[in-house]
N, C-alpha and C. Protein backbone atom coordinates (compact mmCIF):
# COMPACT_ATOMS: atom_id res chain seq x y z
N MET A 1 15.30 -4.64 -5.60
CA MET A 1 14.44 -6.14 -4.04
C MET A 1 14.20 -6.47 -5.97
N LEU A 2 13.65 -5.85 -6.66
CA LEU A 2 13.41 -6.56 -8.14
C LEU A 2 13.87 -7.35 -8.50
N SER A 3 15.24 -7.83 -8.56
CA SER A 3 15.85 -9.00 -8.66
C SER A 3 15.51 -10.09 -7.79
N TRP A 4 15.01 -9.54 -5.74
CA TRP A 4 15.06 -11.15 -4.53
C TRP A 4 13.63 -11.67 -5.80
N SER A 5 13.24 -10.51 -5.64
CA SER A 5 11.11 -11.45 -6.41
C SER A 5 11.64 -12.25 -7.27
N ILE A 6 12.38 -12.11 -8.22
CA ILE A 6 12.65 -12.79 -10.20
C ILE A 6 13.30 -13.85 -9.61
N THR A 7 13.95 -14.29 -8.24
CA THR A 7 15.25 -14.72 -8.05
C THR A 7 14.50 -15.54 -6.85
N PHE A 8 13.12 -15.41 -6.48
CA PHE A 8 12.57 -16.04 -5.52
C PHE A 8 11.83 -16.82 -6.50
N LEU A 9 10.92 -16.36 -7.18
CA LEU A 9 9.44 -16.90 -8.91
C LEU A 9 10.37 -18.42 -9.29
N LEU A 10 11.63 -17.94 -9.49
CA LEU A 10 13.12 -19.24 -10.27
C LEU A 10 12.66 -19.84 -9.43
N LEU A 11 13.10 -19.85 -8.32
CA LEU A 11 13.00 -20.70 -6.89
C LEU A 11 11.50 -21.81 -7.87
N ALA A 12 11.14 -21.15 -7.17
CA ALA A 12 9.90 -21.54 -6.83
C ALA A 12 8.68 -22.40 -7.88
N ILE A 13 9.41 -22.17 -8.75
CA ILE A 13 9.26 -22.70 -10.11
C ILE A 13 9.53 -24.04 -10.23
N VAL A 14 11.15 -24.14 -9.53
CA VAL A 14 11.57 -25.05 -9.99
C VAL A 14 11.12 -26.14 -8.93
N ALA A 15 11.84 -25.56 -7.72
CA ALA A 15 10.81 -26.34 -6.62
C ALA A 15 9.81 -27.06 -7.19
N GLY A 16 9.08 -26.03 -6.98
CA GLY A 16 7.97 -26.64 -8.30
C GLY A 16 7.16 -28.11 -9.46
N VAL A 17 8.72 -27.40 -9.69
CA VAL A 17 9.28 -28.52 -11.13
C VAL A 17 9.56 -29.74 -10.17
N LEU A 18 10.31 -29.50 -9.32
CA LEU A 18 10.25 -31.57 -8.58
C LEU A 18 10.04 -31.74 -8.02
N GLY A 19 9.01 -30.86 -7.82
CA GLY A 19 7.87 -31.77 -7.38
C GLY A 19 8.26 -31.77 -5.25
N PHE A 20 8.83 -30.05 -4.92
CA PHE A 20 8.86 -30.15 -3.73
C PHE A 20 7.95 -28.75 -3.20
N SER A 21 6.45 -29.19 -2.95
CA SER A 21 5.25 -27.83 -2.75
C SER A 21 5.40 -27.17 -1.94
N GLY A 22 6.05 -27.71 -0.68
CA GLY A 22 5.92 -26.50 0.28
C GLY A 22 6.87 -25.85 0.06
N ILE A 23 8.02 -26.41 -0.36
CA ILE A 23 9.45 -24.62 -0.68
C ILE A 23 9.04 -24.04 -1.57
N ALA A 24 7.53 -24.61 -2.93
CA ALA A 24 7.64 -23.69 -3.64
C ALA A 24 6.94 -22.90 -3.99
N GLY A 25 5.66 -22.91 -2.55
CA GLY A 25 4.29 -22.58 -1.54
C GLY A 25 5.45 -20.97 -0.77
N THR A 26 6.09 -21.40 -0.48
CA THR A 26 6.70 -20.48 0.09
C THR A 26 7.87 -18.95 -0.43
N ALA A 27 8.83 -19.93 -1.23
CA ALA A 27 9.17 -19.00 -1.95
C ALA A 27 7.81 -17.97 -3.20
N ALA A 28 7.38 -19.09 -2.94
CA ALA A 28 6.64 -17.81 -4.08
C ALA A 28 5.05 -16.87 -3.76
N GLY A 29 4.85 -17.07 -2.80
CA GLY A 29 4.74 -15.79 -1.08
C GLY A 29 5.45 -14.97 -0.95
N ILE A 30 7.74 -15.54 -0.25
CA ILE A 30 8.03 -13.75 -0.80
C ILE A 30 7.81 -13.96 -1.74
N ALA A 31 8.53 -13.66 -2.72
CA ALA A 31 8.84 -13.76 -4.05
C ALA A 31 7.32 -12.19 -4.61
N GLU A 32 6.12 -12.74 -4.33
CA GLU A 32 4.96 -12.05 -4.29
C GLU A 32 4.84 -10.77 -3.03
N ILE A 33 5.03 -10.82 -2.03
CA ILE A 33 5.45 -9.78 -1.56
C ILE A 33 6.47 -9.46 -1.70
N LEU A 34 7.68 -9.11 -2.34
CA LEU A 34 8.70 -8.07 -1.38
C LEU A 34 8.07 -7.67 -3.71
N PHE A 35 7.53 -8.23 -4.92
CA PHE A 35 7.10 -7.75 -5.62
C PHE A 35 6.25 -6.34 -5.36
N TYR A 36 4.86 -7.13 -4.94
CA TYR A 36 4.45 -5.38 -4.10
C TYR A 36 5.00 -4.70 -3.67
N ILE A 37 6.12 -4.87 -2.22
CA ILE A 37 6.78 -4.37 -2.20
C ILE A 37 7.55 -2.89 -2.91
N PHE A 38 8.38 -3.45 -4.29
CA PHE A 38 9.30 -2.91 -5.04
C PHE A 38 7.93 -2.21 -6.00
N LEU A 39 6.69 -2.24 -6.09
CA LEU A 39 5.68 -1.39 -6.65
C LEU A 39 5.01 -0.19 -5.74
N ILE A 40 5.58 -0.50 -4.30
CA ILE A 40 4.72 0.53 -3.49
C ILE A 40 5.87 1.79 -3.72
N LEU A 41 7.49 0.74 -3.23
CA LEU A 41 8.78 2.05 -3.81
C LEU A 41 8.45 2.64 -4.89
N LEU A 42 8.69 1.57 -5.92
CA LEU A 42 8.34 2.68 -7.25
C LEU A 42 7.69 3.82 -7.11
N VAL A 43 6.28 3.16 -6.44
CA VAL A 43 4.79 4.23 -6.98
C VAL A 43 5.30 5.87 -6.59
N VAL A 44 5.99 5.72 -4.64
CA VAL A 44 6.03 6.42 -3.35
C VAL A 44 7.12 7.63 -4.13
N SER A 45 8.43 6.96 -5.18
CA SER A 45 9.43 7.25 -5.98
C SER A 45 8.94 8.11 -6.51
N ALA A 46 7.63 7.84 -8.52
CA ALA A 46 7.76 8.95 -8.94
C ALA A 46 6.53 9.45 -7.99
N VAL A 47 5.56 9.89 -6.72
CA VAL A 47 5.18 10.98 -6.51
C VAL A 47 5.59 12.65 -6.12
N SER A 48 6.79 11.43 -5.40
CA SER A 48 7.47 12.24 -5.02
C SER A 48 8.63 13.44 -5.70
N ASN A 49 9.30 12.80 -6.61
CA ASN A 49 9.79 13.51 -7.96
C ASN A 49 8.35 13.84 -8.43
N ALA A 50 7.08 13.59 -8.53
CA ALA A 50 6.63 14.38 -9.73
C ALA A 50 6.29 16.02 -8.66
N LEU A 51 6.16 15.59 -7.19
CA LEU A 51 5.73 16.56 -5.95
C LEU A 51 7.12 17.44 -6.34
N ARG A 52 8.01 17.37 -6.87
CA ARG A 52 9.39 18.16 -6.45
C ARG A 52 9.87 18.95 -8.18
N GLY A 53 8.72 18.56 -8.94
CA GLY A 53 9.28 19.20 -10.24
C GLY A 53 9.96 18.39 -11.62
N LYS A 54 10.44 17.40 -10.42
CA LYS A 54 11.45 16.89 -11.66
C LYS A 54 10.91 15.91 -12.30
N ARG A 55 11.48 15.40 -13.52
CA ARG A 55 10.61 15.03 -14.91
C ARG A 55 11.69 13.76 -14.53
N PRO A 56 11.68 11.97 -14.73
CA PRO A 56 11.69 10.97 -15.16
C PRO A 56 13.47 11.08 -15.95
């Protein structure tokens, strides 16, 4: 999921440089949402592993 976030971020940068502001804004929004989902899943995974007593 982090790779999708990076992909949309790069797409937003390229679209912004080329002047496609609508596409750049949409791609940046998608990248931001995917990044936050990735962070939430990372925290949930770390907490569940800590509660089970496993080390990373």
